[in-house]
């Protein structure tokens, strides 16, 4: 028997006519794992990709490494982020490594052009080479190296699944998602470290715990304190969670502390509603990144986490224009999912 066709999340329209559809799955949950809303399959197997970064950063706080090395809130937010390679991101990555007494030559995340287009253009014009510190995952890797320094582990080979830092991270992510390590599927992420696969409802639960750690008596005190601190860091420094003119950062700027929003590759996303202890996770089934921005803003709108004026300020993400090569507007991308008021406070 074939699985039900998931609902359409985004329509791409050209000349007023439908051209493409992006379907998806969404789950909203409480910290104890209770599902409060779902579209599609709440158990859809999903690689967490970079939505896991706030969870992976928990040991930096709970182990005492953040306090030992004087890590600032902005640097904690960087460790949760998929950064754009802007100058302030690069400076923060270098600061974390310097505090740990480590060189940036140890970063094993690989090299790509900065996601921030003006930065990439400037570097291309001046001939400045792209470096690992410009990688989207440089903050996460700096956090892993910081943990190595704190625990006395060799940083060599820190990306391997059997390295102590990766075993620690797997255990942490599994625990926060309400799973056990043996139930977590493991692949290799774009930056070379292990990446985790779980049913989507587990990611929603983890984001609910990020949103309301004190609402779940099953969480340990160290996890609670770390999640509170990381959520506060992300909302105070949204520029470190992504970068200028990206939906995570711009939505959190408009949201003014009401939620944490975090992207992941291949159409994965997590939102932690801090004022109500609810976590939302969704996955665009075909993995298309062009469907993410409209869905993020629409979910926040339907949840009442953004005012009408704030949604209007995010129009370039909510209803992105489709333009031809002459820069003429010939269509749009629009989110069409309907949560039926299930997330309205």
C-alpha atoms as a PDB file:
ATOM      1  CA  UNK A   1       0.000   0.000   0.000  1.00  0.00           C
ATOM      2  CA  UNK A   2       1.488   3.350  -1.045  1.00  0.00           C
ATOM      3  CA  UNK A   3       1.961   6.160   1.477  1.00  0.00           C
ATOM      4  CA  UNK A   4      -0.505   9.084   1.352  1.00  0.00           C
ATOM      5  CA  UNK A   5       0.601  12.021  -0.771  1.00  0.00           C
ATOM      6  CA  UNK A   6       1.792  14.796   1.568  1.00  0.00           C
ATOM      7  CA  UNK A   7       0.073  18.187   1.426  1.00  0.00           C
ATOM      8  CA  UNK A   8       1.263  21.029  -0.766  1.00  0.00           C
ATOM      9  CA  UNK A   9       3.207  23.611   1.231  1.00  0.00           C
ATOM     10  CA  UNK A  10       4.297  26.008  -1.533  1.00  0.00           C
ATOM     11  CA  UNK A  11       2.929  26.880  -4.993  1.00  0.00           C
ATOM     12  CA  UNK A  12       5.133  28.440  -7.649  1.00  0.00           C
ATOM     13  CA  UNK A  13       3.041  30.575  -9.987  1.00  0.00           C
ATOM     14  CA  UNK A  14       4.034  32.008 -13.363  1.00  0.00           C
ATOM     15  CA  UNK A  15       1.721  34.395 -15.190  1.00  0.00           C
ATOM     16  CA  UNK A  16      -1.045  33.591 -12.729  1.00  0.00           C
ATOM     17  CA  UNK A  17      -0.806  29.881 -13.540  1.00  0.00           C
ATOM     18  CA  UNK A  18       0.529  27.138 -11.298  1.00  0.00           C
ATOM     19  CA  UNK A  19       3.921  25.852 -12.453  1.00  0.00           C
ATOM     20  CA  UNK A  20       5.425  23.843  -9.575  1.00  0.00           C
ATOM     21  CA  UNK A  21       4.453  22.443  -6.186  1.00  0.00           C
ATOM     22  CA  UNK A  22       6.517  21.702  -3.091  1.00  0.00           C
ATOM     23  CA  UNK A  23       4.995  19.231  -0.641  1.00  0.00           C
ATOM     24  CA  UNK A  24       6.007  18.730   2.948  1.00  0.00           C
ATOM     25  CA  UNK A  25       5.530  17.371   6.447  1.00  0.00           C
ATOM     26  CA  UNK A  26       5.160  19.393   9.659  1.00  0.00           C
ATOM     27  CA  UNK A  27       4.883  18.537  13.343  1.00  0.00           C
ATOM     28  CA  UNK A  28       4.259  20.757  16.354  1.00  0.00           C
ATOM     29  CA  UNK A  29       4.953  19.220  19.760  1.00  0.00           C
ATOM     30  CA  UNK A  30       5.274  19.927  23.454  1.00  0.00           C
ATOM     31  CA  UNK A  31       8.441  19.173  25.466  1.00  0.00           C
ATOM     32  CA  UNK A  32       7.040  15.824  26.605  1.00  0.00           C
ATOM     33  CA  UNK A  33       6.597  14.785  22.969  1.00  0.00           C
ATOM     34  CA  UNK A  34       2.833  15.308  22.771  1.00  0.00           C
ATOM     35  CA  UNK A  35       1.943  16.235  19.200  1.00  0.00           C
ATOM     36  CA  UNK A  36      -0.367  19.273  19.047  1.00  0.00           C
ATOM     37  CA  UNK A  37      -0.507  19.668  15.246  1.00  0.00           C
ATOM     38  CA  UNK A  38       0.646  17.744  12.216  1.00  0.00           C
ATOM     39  CA  UNK A  39       0.518  17.987   8.445  1.00  0.00           C
ATOM     40  CA  UNK A  40       1.621  15.036   6.385  1.00  0.00           C
ATOM     41  CA  UNK A  41       3.533  12.292   8.194  1.00  0.00           C
ATOM     42  CA  UNK A  42       4.802  13.189  11.706  1.00  0.00           C
ATOM     43  CA  UNK A  43       7.120  10.178  11.508  1.00  0.00           C
ATOM     44  CA  UNK A  44       8.661  11.175   8.192  1.00  0.00           C
ATOM     45  CA  UNK A  45      12.361  10.124   8.395  1.00  0.00           C
ATOM     46  CA  UNK A  46      14.412  13.311   8.326  1.00  0.00           C
ATOM     47  CA  UNK A  47      18.098  14.117   8.431  1.00  0.00           C
ATOM     48  CA  UNK A  48      18.243  16.945  10.954  1.00  0.00           C
ATOM     49  CA  UNK A  49      21.117  18.651   9.143  1.00  0.00           C
ATOM     50  CA  UNK A  50      21.790  22.115  10.597  1.00  0.00           C
ATOM     51  CA  UNK A  51      18.566  22.206  12.603  1.00  0.00           C
ATOM     52  CA  UNK A  52      20.568  20.077  15.063  1.00  0.00           C
ATOM     53  CA  UNK A  53      23.120  22.817  15.743  1.00  0.00           C
ATOM     54  CA  UNK A  54      21.415  24.322  18.835  1.00  0.00           C
ATOM     55  CA  UNK A  55      21.237  20.784  20.244  1.00  0.00           C
ATOM     56  CA  UNK A  56      24.860  20.041  19.371  1.00  0.00           C
ATOM     57  CA  UNK A  57      25.911  23.190  21.224  1.00  0.00           C
ATOM     58  CA  UNK A  58      24.374  22.042  24.528  1.00  0.00           C
ATOM     59  CA  UNK A  59      27.545  20.275  25.779  1.00  0.00           C
ATOM     60  CA  UNK A  60      29.526  23.501  25.351  1.00  0.00           C
ATOM     61  CA  UNK A  61      27.406  24.984  28.126  1.00  0.00           C
ATOM     62  CA  UNK A  62      26.583  21.908  30.222  1.00  0.00           C
ATOM     63  CA  UNK A  63      30.210  20.747  30.387  1.00  0.00           C
ATOM     64  CA  UNK A  64      31.397  24.087  31.735  1.00  0.00           C
ATOM     65  CA  UNK A  65      33.484  24.808  28.612  1.00  0.00           C
ATOM     66  CA  UNK A  66      31.622  28.045  27.841  1.00  0.00           C
ATOM     67  CA  UNK A  67      32.355  29.484  31.287  1.00  0.00           C
ATOM     68  CA  UNK A  68      35.910  28.160  31.416  1.00  0.00           C
ATOM     69  CA  UNK A  69      36.856  29.843  28.133  1.00  0.00           C
ATOM     70  CA  UNK A  70      34.760  32.982  28.538  1.00  0.00           C
ATOM     71  CA  UNK A  71      32.458  32.313  25.597  1.00  0.00           C
ATOM     72  CA  UNK A  72      30.117  35.255  25.002  1.00  0.00           C
ATOM     73  CA  UNK A  73      26.396  35.013  24.181  1.00  0.00           C
ATOM     74  CA  UNK A  74      27.150  36.075  20.602  1.00  0.00           C
ATOM     75  CA  UNK A  75      29.680  33.256  20.308  1.00  0.00           C
ATOM     76  CA  UNK A  76      27.159  30.765  21.692  1.00  0.00           C
ATOM     77  CA  UNK A  77      24.663  31.907  19.055  1.00  0.00           C
ATOM     78  CA  UNK A  78      27.366  31.431  16.421  1.00  0.00           C
ATOM     79  CA  UNK A  79      27.754  27.805  17.533  1.00  0.00           C
ATOM     80  CA  UNK A  80      24.008  27.320  16.952  1.00  0.00           C
ATOM     81  CA  UNK A  81      24.104  29.003  13.574  1.00  0.00           C
ATOM     82  CA  UNK A  82      24.601  28.372   9.889  1.00  0.00           C
ATOM     83  CA  UNK A  83      26.579  31.522   9.306  1.00  0.00           C
ATOM     84  CA  UNK A  84      27.073  33.534   6.130  1.00  0.00           C
ATOM     85  CA  UNK A  85      30.811  34.218   6.290  1.00  0.00           C
ATOM     86  CA  UNK A  86      30.385  37.902   7.064  1.00  0.00           C
ATOM     87  CA  UNK A  87      33.261  39.695   8.789  1.00  0.00           C
ATOM     88  CA  UNK A  88      31.629  39.520  12.214  1.00  0.00           C
ATOM     89  CA  UNK A  89      31.056  35.766  11.804  1.00  0.00           C
ATOM     90  CA  UNK A  90      34.692  35.188  10.874  1.00  0.00           C
ATOM     91  CA  UNK A  91      35.875  37.303  13.806  1.00  0.00           C
ATOM     92  CA  UNK A  92      33.705  35.293  16.220  1.00  0.00           C
ATOM     93  CA  UNK A  93      34.971  31.943  14.911  1.00  0.00           C
ATOM     94  CA  UNK A  94      38.553  33.115  15.326  1.00  0.00           C
ATOM     95  CA  UNK A  95      37.784  34.425  18.809  1.00  0.00           C
ATOM     96  CA  UNK A  96      36.423  31.040  19.954  1.00  0.00           C
ATOM     97  CA  UNK A  97      39.466  29.222  18.614  1.00  0.00           C
ATOM     98  CA  UNK A  98      41.844  31.741  20.132  1.00  0.00           C
ATOM     99  CA  UNK A  99      40.208  31.390  23.557  1.00  0.00           C
ATOM    100  CA  UNK A 100      40.695  27.622  23.315  1.00  0.00           C
ATOM    101  CA  UNK A 101      44.327  28.050  22.287  1.00  0.00           C
ATOM    102  CA  UNK A 102      43.679  26.427  18.893  1.00  0.00           C
ATOM    103  CA  UNK A 103      44.578  27.454  15.364  1.00  0.00           C
ATOM    104  CA  UNK A 104      42.071  27.817  12.562  1.00  0.00           C
ATOM    105  CA  UNK A 105      44.128  25.323  10.570  1.00  0.00           C
ATOM    106  CA  UNK A 106      42.364  22.650  12.668  1.00  0.00           C
ATOM    107  CA  UNK A 107      38.953  23.502  11.187  1.00  0.00           C
ATOM    108  CA  UNK A 108      37.959  20.527   9.049  1.00  0.00           C
ATOM    109  CA  UNK A 109      34.659  21.857   7.687  1.00  0.00           C
ATOM    110  CA  UNK A 110      35.931  22.458   4.174  1.00  0.00           C
ATOM    111  CA  UNK A 111      35.850  25.566   2.000  1.00  0.00           C
ATOM    112  CA  UNK A 112      33.086  27.240   0.011  1.00  0.00           C
ATOM    113  CA  UNK A 113      32.289  30.791  -0.983  1.00  0.00           C
ATOM    114  CA  UNK A 114      30.541  32.827   1.740  1.00  0.00           C
ATOM    115  CA  UNK A 115      26.760  32.649   1.634  1.00  0.00           C
ATOM    116  CA  UNK A 116      26.667  36.430   2.066  1.00  0.00           C
ATOM    117  CA  UNK A 117      26.818  37.564  -1.548  1.00  0.00           C
ATOM    118  CA  UNK A 118      28.361  41.016  -0.973  1.00  0.00           C
ATOM    119  CA  UNK A 119      31.147  39.389   1.048  1.00  0.00           C
ATOM    120  CA  UNK A 120      31.726  36.740  -1.617  1.00  0.00           C
ATOM    121  CA  UNK A 121      31.746  39.394  -4.355  1.00  0.00           C
ATOM    122  CA  UNK A 122      34.219  41.567  -2.471  1.00  0.00           C
ATOM    123  CA  UNK A 123      36.547  38.612  -1.879  1.00  0.00           C
ATOM    124  CA  UNK A 124      36.378  37.627  -5.545  1.00  0.00           C
ATOM    125  CA  UNK A 125      37.172  41.176  -6.625  1.00  0.00           C
ATOM    126  CA  UNK A 126      40.166  41.479  -4.286  1.00  0.00           C
ATOM    127  CA  UNK A 127      41.427  37.938  -4.817  1.00  0.00           C
ATOM    128  CA  UNK A 128      41.081  37.073  -1.122  1.00  0.00           C
ATOM    129  CA  UNK A 129      40.842  33.272  -0.858  1.00  0.00           C
ATOM    130  CA  UNK A 130      37.883  31.558   0.758  1.00  0.00           C
ATOM    131  CA  UNK A 131      38.858  29.770   3.960  1.00  0.00           C
ATOM    132  CA  UNK A 132      37.247  27.318   6.396  1.00  0.00           C
ATOM    133  CA  UNK A 133      36.342  30.248   8.667  1.00  0.00           C
ATOM    134  CA  UNK A 134      33.892  31.354   5.950  1.00  0.00           C
ATOM    135  CA  UNK A 135      32.077  28.007   5.977  1.00  0.00           C
ATOM    136  CA  UNK A 136      28.423  27.932   7.050  1.00  0.00           C
ATOM    137  CA  UNK A 137      29.364  25.369   9.713  1.00  0.00           C
ATOM    138  CA  UNK A 138      32.493  27.088  11.042  1.00  0.00           C
ATOM    139  CA  UNK A 139      30.772  27.971  14.325  1.00  0.00           C
ATOM    140  CA  UNK A 140      29.686  24.384  14.937  1.00  0.00           C
ATOM    141  CA  UNK A 141      33.182  23.116  14.191  1.00  0.00           C
ATOM    142  CA  UNK A 142      34.719  25.738  16.487  1.00  0.00           C
ATOM    143  CA  UNK A 143      32.385  24.448  19.223  1.00  0.00           C
ATOM    144  CA  UNK A 144      33.565  20.879  18.644  1.00  0.00           C
ATOM    145  CA  UNK A 145      37.195  21.959  18.844  1.00  0.00           C
ATOM    146  CA  UNK A 146      36.442  23.928  22.024  1.00  0.00           C
ATOM    147  CA  UNK A 147      34.990  20.761  23.571  1.00  0.00           C
ATOM    148  CA  UNK A 148      38.145  18.888  22.623  1.00  0.00           C
ATOM    149  CA  UNK A 149      40.254  21.497  24.396  1.00  0.00           C
ATOM    150  CA  UNK A 150      38.007  21.418  27.462  1.00  0.00           C
ATOM    151  CA  UNK A 151      38.025  17.627  27.812  1.00  0.00           C
ATOM    152  CA  UNK A 152      41.661  17.126  26.851  1.00  0.00           C
ATOM    153  CA  UNK A 153      40.800  15.220  23.671  1.00  0.00           C
ATOM    154  CA  UNK A 154      43.022  15.408  20.634  1.00  0.00           C
ATOM    155  CA  UNK A 155      41.476  17.648  17.956  1.00  0.00           C
ATOM    156  CA  UNK A 156      42.944  15.416  15.268  1.00  0.00           C
ATOM    157  CA  UNK A 157      40.237  13.419  13.570  1.00  0.00           C
ATOM    158  CA  UNK A 158      37.476  15.202  15.489  1.00  0.00           C
ATOM    159  CA  UNK A 159      35.041  14.741  12.591  1.00  0.00           C
ATOM    160  CA  UNK A 160      35.117  10.925  12.774  1.00  0.00           C
ATOM    161  CA  UNK A 161      32.048   9.197  14.262  1.00  0.00           C
ATOM    162  CA  UNK A 162      34.192   7.336  16.828  1.00  0.00           C
ATOM    163  CA  UNK A 163      35.923  10.488  18.130  1.00  0.00           C
ATOM    164  CA  UNK A 164      34.864  11.288  21.718  1.00  0.00           C
ATOM    165  CA  UNK A 165      33.386  14.644  20.738  1.00  0.00           C
ATOM    166  CA  UNK A 166      31.139  13.051  18.116  1.00  0.00           C
ATOM    167  CA  UNK A 167      30.039  10.336  20.515  1.00  0.00           C
ATOM    168  CA  UNK A 168      29.151  13.039  23.052  1.00  0.00           C
ATOM    169  CA  UNK A 169      27.172  14.988  20.462  1.00  0.00           C
ATOM    170  CA  UNK A 170      25.266  11.909  19.267  1.00  0.00           C
ATOM    171  CA  UNK A 171      24.291  11.058  22.838  1.00  0.00           C
ATOM    172  CA  UNK A 172      23.186  14.641  23.466  1.00  0.00           C
ATOM    173  CA  UNK A 173      21.119  15.004  20.298  1.00  0.00           C
ATOM    174  CA  UNK A 174      19.449  11.621  20.843  1.00  0.00           C
ATOM    175  CA  UNK A 175      18.589  12.478  24.461  1.00  0.00           C
ATOM    176  CA  UNK A 176      17.128  15.887  23.607  1.00  0.00           C
ATOM    177  CA  UNK A 177      15.081  14.367  20.778  1.00  0.00           C
ATOM    178  CA  UNK A 178      13.673  11.714  23.114  1.00  0.00           C
ATOM    179  CA  UNK A 179      15.505   8.861  21.396  1.00  0.00           C
ATOM    180  CA  UNK A 180      18.421   6.553  22.138  1.00  0.00           C
ATOM    181  CA  UNK A 181      21.633   6.627  20.095  1.00  0.00           C
ATOM    182  CA  UNK A 182      20.984   3.205  18.610  1.00  0.00           C
ATOM    183  CA  UNK A 183      17.747   4.481  17.040  1.00  0.00           C
ATOM    184  CA  UNK A 184      19.442   7.400  15.307  1.00  0.00           C
ATOM    185  CA  UNK A 185      20.405   7.003  11.673  1.00  0.00           C
ATOM    186  CA  UNK A 186      23.843   8.456  10.972  1.00  0.00           C
ATOM    187  CA  UNK A 187      25.199   9.831   7.704  1.00  0.00           C
ATOM    188  CA  UNK A 188      27.863  12.375   6.761  1.00  0.00           C
ATOM    189  CA  UNK A 189      26.953  16.048   6.672  1.00  0.00           C
ATOM    190  CA  UNK A 190      28.133  18.556   4.083  1.00  0.00           C
ATOM    191  CA  UNK A 191      30.820  19.758   6.479  1.00  0.00           C
ATOM    192  CA  UNK A 192      32.169  16.237   7.091  1.00  0.00           C
ATOM    193  CA  UNK A 193      30.812  15.457  10.570  1.00  0.00           C
ATOM    194  CA  UNK A 194      28.109  12.904  11.442  1.00  0.00           C
ATOM    195  CA  UNK A 195      24.537  13.983  10.677  1.00  0.00           C
ATOM    196  CA  UNK A 196      21.502  12.435  12.339  1.00  0.00           C
ATOM    197  CA  UNK A 197      18.240  10.995  10.962  1.00  0.00           C
ATOM    198  CA  UNK A 198      15.090  10.599  13.049  1.00  0.00           C
ATOM    199  CA  UNK A 199      11.322  10.757  12.609  1.00  0.00           C
ATOM    200  CA  UNK A 200      10.309  14.403  12.274  1.00  0.00           C
ATOM    201  CA  UNK A 201       8.315  14.388  15.535  1.00  0.00           C
ATOM    202  CA  UNK A 202      11.579  13.937  17.463  1.00  0.00           C
ATOM    203  CA  UNK A 203      12.985  17.160  16.046  1.00  0.00           C
ATOM    204  CA  UNK A 204       9.774  18.973  17.007  1.00  0.00           C
ATOM    205  CA  UNK A 205      10.136  17.659  20.562  1.00  0.00           C
ATOM    206  CA  UNK A 206      13.733  18.818  20.768  1.00  0.00           C
ATOM    207  CA  UNK A 207      12.712  22.325  19.662  1.00  0.00           C
ATOM    208  CA  UNK A 208       9.892  22.280  22.203  1.00  0.00           C
ATOM    209  CA  UNK A 209      12.495  21.545  24.867  1.00  0.00           C
ATOM    210  CA  UNK A 210      14.588  24.433  23.531  1.00  0.00           C
ATOM    211  CA  UNK A 211      11.452  26.580  23.797  1.00  0.00           C
ATOM    212  CA  UNK A 212      10.409  25.452  27.268  1.00  0.00           C
ATOM    213  CA  UNK A 213      13.046  23.395  29.059  1.00  0.00           C
ATOM    214  CA  UNK A 214      11.442  24.037  32.442  1.00  0.00           C
ATOM    215  CA  UNK A 215       8.167  22.479  31.225  1.00  0.00           C
ATOM    216  CA  UNK A 216       9.672  18.981  30.957  1.00  0.00           C
ATOM    217  CA  UNK A 217      10.522  17.277  34.270  1.00  0.00           C
ATOM    218  CA  UNK A 218      12.303  14.516  32.338  1.00  0.00           C
ATOM    219  CA  UNK A 219      15.112  16.918  31.386  1.00  0.00           C
ATOM    220  CA  UNK A 220      18.139  17.091  33.630  1.00  0.00           C
ATOM    221  CA  UNK A 221      19.121  20.365  35.278  1.00  0.00           C
ATOM    222  CA  UNK A 222      22.247  20.759  33.142  1.00  0.00           C
ATOM    223  CA  UNK A 223      20.288  20.343  29.907  1.00  0.00           C
ATOM    224  CA  UNK A 224      17.641  22.805  31.106  1.00  0.00           C
ATOM    225  CA  UNK A 225      20.186  25.455  31.988  1.00  0.00           C
ATOM    226  CA  UNK A 226      22.068  24.986  28.716  1.00  0.00           C
ATOM    227  CA  UNK A 227      18.916  25.196  26.569  1.00  0.00           C
ATOM    228  CA  UNK A 228      17.768  28.355  28.357  1.00  0.00           C
ATOM    229  CA  UNK A 229      21.153  29.985  27.819  1.00  0.00           C
ATOM    230  CA  UNK A 230      21.394  29.000  24.152  1.00  0.00           C
ATOM    231  CA  UNK A 231      17.859  30.183  23.335  1.00  0.00           C
ATOM    232  CA  UNK A 232      18.591  33.515  25.010  1.00  0.00           C
ATOM    233  CA  UNK A 233      21.841  33.827  23.047  1.00  0.00           C
ATOM    234  CA  UNK A 234      20.116  33.148  19.726  1.00  0.00           C
ATOM    235  CA  UNK A 235      17.306  35.644  20.296  1.00  0.00           C
ATOM    236  CA  UNK A 236      19.749  38.293  21.517  1.00  0.00           C
ATOM    237  CA  UNK A 237      22.078  37.774  18.549  1.00  0.00           C
ATOM    238  CA  UNK A 238      19.988  36.653  15.555  1.00  0.00           C
ATOM    239  CA  UNK A 239      22.699  37.885  13.206  1.00  0.00           C
ATOM    240  CA  UNK A 240      24.860  35.013  14.463  1.00  0.00           C
ATOM    241  CA  UNK A 241      22.246  32.343  13.726  1.00  0.00           C
ATOM    242  CA  UNK A 242      22.351  33.016   9.976  1.00  0.00           C
ATOM    243  CA  UNK A 243      23.293  36.469   8.674  1.00  0.00           C
ATOM    244  CA  UNK A 244      21.954  39.614   7.072  1.00  0.00           C
ATOM    245  CA  UNK A 245      19.090  39.162   4.609  1.00  0.00           C
ATOM    246  CA  UNK A 246      18.432  35.543   5.573  1.00  0.00           C
ATOM    247  CA  UNK A 247      15.068  34.397   6.870  1.00  0.00           C
ATOM    248  CA  UNK A 248      16.283  33.001  10.225  1.00  0.00           C
ATOM    249  CA  UNK A 249      17.953  36.258  11.205  1.00  0.00           C
ATOM    250  CA  UNK A 250      15.412  38.664   9.753  1.00  0.00           C
ATOM    251  CA  UNK A 251      12.418  36.773  11.180  1.00  0.00           C
ATOM    252  CA  UNK A 252      13.980  36.663  14.653  1.00  0.00           C
ATOM    253  CA  UNK A 253      14.757  40.367  14.441  1.00  0.00           C
ATOM    254  CA  UNK A 254      11.086  41.015  13.744  1.00  0.00           C
ATOM    255  CA  UNK A 255      10.021  38.493  16.399  1.00  0.00           C
ATOM    256  CA  UNK A 256      11.931  40.323  19.150  1.00  0.00           C
ATOM    257  CA  UNK A 257      12.679  37.347  21.349  1.00  0.00           C
ATOM    258  CA  UNK A 258       9.482  35.350  20.888  1.00  0.00           C
ATOM    259  CA  UNK A 259      11.042  32.421  18.998  1.00  0.00           C
ATOM    260  CA  UNK A 260      14.213  30.769  17.762  1.00  0.00           C
ATOM    261  CA  UNK A 261      14.180  29.913  14.050  1.00  0.00           C
ATOM    262  CA  UNK A 262      16.843  27.645  12.549  1.00  0.00           C
ATOM    263  CA  UNK A 263      17.333  26.350   9.051  1.00  0.00           C
ATOM    264  CA  UNK A 264      18.772  23.062   7.867  1.00  0.00           C
ATOM    265  CA  UNK A 265      19.835  21.813   4.455  1.00  0.00           C
ATOM    266  CA  UNK A 266      17.540  19.823   2.173  1.00  0.00           C
ATOM    267  CA  UNK A 267      14.408  21.612   3.299  1.00  0.00           C
ATOM    268  CA  UNK A 268      14.525  20.946   7.048  1.00  0.00           C
ATOM    269  CA  UNK A 269      13.606  23.604   9.615  1.00  0.00           C
ATOM    270  CA  UNK A 270      12.955  24.061  13.333  1.00  0.00           C
ATOM    271  CA  UNK A 271      11.141  26.786  15.285  1.00  0.00           C
ATOM    272  CA  UNK A 272      11.023  27.080  19.082  1.00  0.00           C
ATOM    273  CA  UNK A 273       8.138  29.240  20.359  1.00  0.00           C
ATOM    274  CA  UNK A 274       9.607  30.470  23.627  1.00  0.00           C
ATOM    275  CA  UNK A 275       6.427  32.074  24.943  1.00  0.00           C
ATOM    276  CA  UNK A 276       4.424  28.842  24.808  1.00  0.00           C
ATOM    277  CA  UNK A 277       6.899  25.947  25.000  1.00  0.00           C
ATOM    278  CA  UNK A 278       5.997  24.594  21.568  1.00  0.00           C
ATOM    279  CA  UNK A 279       8.416  23.259  18.982  1.00  0.00           C
ATOM    280  CA  UNK A 280       7.699  23.048  15.256  1.00  0.00           C
ATOM    281  CA  UNK A 281       9.716  21.029  12.762  1.00  0.00           C
ATOM    282  CA  UNK A 282       9.019  20.729   9.081  1.00  0.00           C
ATOM    283  CA  UNK A 283      10.597  19.117   6.064  1.00  0.00           C
ATOM    284  CA  UNK A 284      10.100  20.071   2.427  1.00  0.00           C
ATOM    285  CA  UNK A 285       9.907  16.619   0.918  1.00  0.00           C
ATOM    286  CA  UNK A 286      11.834  17.366  -2.274  1.00  0.00           C
ATOM    287  CA  UNK A 287      14.551  19.188  -0.310  1.00  0.00           C
ATOM    288  CA  UNK A 288      14.186  22.407  -2.283  1.00  0.00           C
ATOM    289  CA  UNK A 289      15.540  25.419  -0.389  1.00  0.00           C
ATOM    290  CA  UNK A 290      13.326  27.786  -2.385  1.00  0.00           C
ATOM    291  CA  UNK A 291      10.282  26.518  -0.476  1.00  0.00           C
ATOM    292  CA  UNK A 292      11.691  27.221   2.984  1.00  0.00           C
ATOM    293  CA  UNK A 293      11.376  30.989   3.312  1.00  0.00           C
ATOM    294  CA  UNK A 294       7.648  31.227   2.469  1.00  0.00           C
ATOM    295  CA  UNK A 295       6.799  28.368   4.844  1.00  0.00           C
ATOM    296  CA  UNK A 296       8.809  29.838   7.731  1.00  0.00           C
ATOM    297  CA  UNK A 297       7.026  33.189   7.580  1.00  0.00           C
ATOM    298  CA  UNK A 298       3.614  31.599   6.996  1.00  0.00           C
ATOM    299  CA  UNK A 299       3.987  29.297  10.013  1.00  0.00           C
ATOM    300  CA  UNK A 300       5.014  32.254  12.164  1.00  0.00           C
ATOM    301  CA  UNK A 301       2.061  34.252  10.822  1.00  0.00           C
ATOM    302  CA  UNK A 302      -0.473  31.515  11.464  1.00  0.00           C
ATOM    303  CA  UNK A 303       0.975  30.929  14.927  1.00  0.00           C
ATOM    304  CA  UNK A 304       0.456  34.577  15.813  1.00  0.00           C
ATOM    305  CA  UNK A 305       4.187  35.033  16.471  1.00  0.00           C
ATOM    306  CA  UNK A 306       4.398  37.955  14.036  1.00  0.00           C
ATOM    307  CA  UNK A 307       2.093  40.942  13.624  1.00  0.00           C
ATOM    308  CA  UNK A 308       0.730  41.983  10.257  1.00  0.00           C
ATOM    309  CA  UNK A 309       3.329  44.736   9.983  1.00  0.00           C
ATOM    310  CA  UNK A 310       6.103  42.293  10.812  1.00  0.00           C
ATOM    311  CA  UNK A 311       4.875  39.849   8.169  1.00  0.00           C
ATOM    312  CA  UNK A 312       4.772  42.730   5.677  1.00  0.00           C
ATOM    313  CA  UNK A 313       8.379  43.585   6.556  1.00  0.00           C
ATOM    314  CA  UNK A 314       9.284  40.005   5.626  1.00  0.00           C
ATOM    315  CA  UNK A 315       7.395  40.059   2.313  1.00  0.00           C
ATOM    316  CA  UNK A 316      10.539  39.253   0.304  1.00  0.00           C
ATOM    317  CA  UNK A 317      10.695  35.923   2.181  1.00  0.00           C
ATOM    318  CA  UNK A 318       6.940  35.332   2.540  1.00  0.00           C
ATOM    319  CA  UNK A 319       5.994  35.780  -1.120  1.00  0.00           C
ATOM    320  CA  UNK A 320       9.234  35.903  -3.103  1.00  0.00           C
ATOM    321  CA  UNK A 321       8.886  37.250  -6.611  1.00  0.00           C
ATOM    322  CA  UNK A 322       9.774  35.153  -9.625  1.00  0.00           C
ATOM    323  CA  UNK A 323      11.679  37.289 -12.129  1.00  0.00           C
ATOM    324  CA  UNK A 324      12.959  36.642 -15.600  1.00  0.00           C
ATOM    325  CA  UNK A 325      16.428  37.566 -16.899  1.00  0.00           C
ATOM    326  CA  UNK A 326      15.167  41.066 -17.719  1.00  0.00           C
ATOM    327  CA  UNK A 327      14.307  41.503 -14.023  1.00  0.00           C
ATOM    328  CA  UNK A 328      10.592  41.597 -14.769  1.00  0.00           C
ATOM    329  CA  UNK A 329       8.230  40.122 -12.149  1.00  0.00           C
ATOM    330  CA  UNK A 330       6.456  37.218 -13.816  1.00  0.00           C
ATOM    331  CA  UNK A 331       5.286  35.165 -10.831  1.00  0.00           C
ATOM    332  CA  UNK A 332       5.733  34.343  -7.176  1.00  0.00           C
ATOM    333  CA  UNK A 333       6.275  31.594  -4.615  1.00  0.00           C
ATOM    334  CA  UNK A 334       3.574  31.392  -1.973  1.00  0.00           C
ATOM    335  CA  UNK A 335       3.008  29.159   1.040  1.00  0.00           C
ATOM    336  CA  UNK A 336      -0.418  27.493   1.003  1.00  0.00           C
ATOM    337  CA  UNK A 337      -0.240  25.197   4.043  1.00  0.00           C
ATOM    338  CA  UNK A 338      -3.077  25.557   6.545  1.00  0.00           C
ATOM    339  CA  UNK A 339      -2.521  24.864  10.245  1.00  0.00           C
ATOM    340  CA  UNK A 340      -6.214  25.393  11.009  1.00  0.00           C
ATOM    341  CA  UNK A 341      -5.530  27.623  14.005  1.00  0.00           C
ATOM    342  CA  UNK A 342      -3.793  24.830  15.926  1.00  0.00           C
ATOM    343  CA  UNK A 343      -0.815  27.037  16.841  1.00  0.00           C
ATOM    344  CA  UNK A 344      -2.748  30.184  17.703  1.00  0.00           C
ATOM    345  CA  UNK A 345      -2.057  31.108  21.343  1.00  0.00           C
END
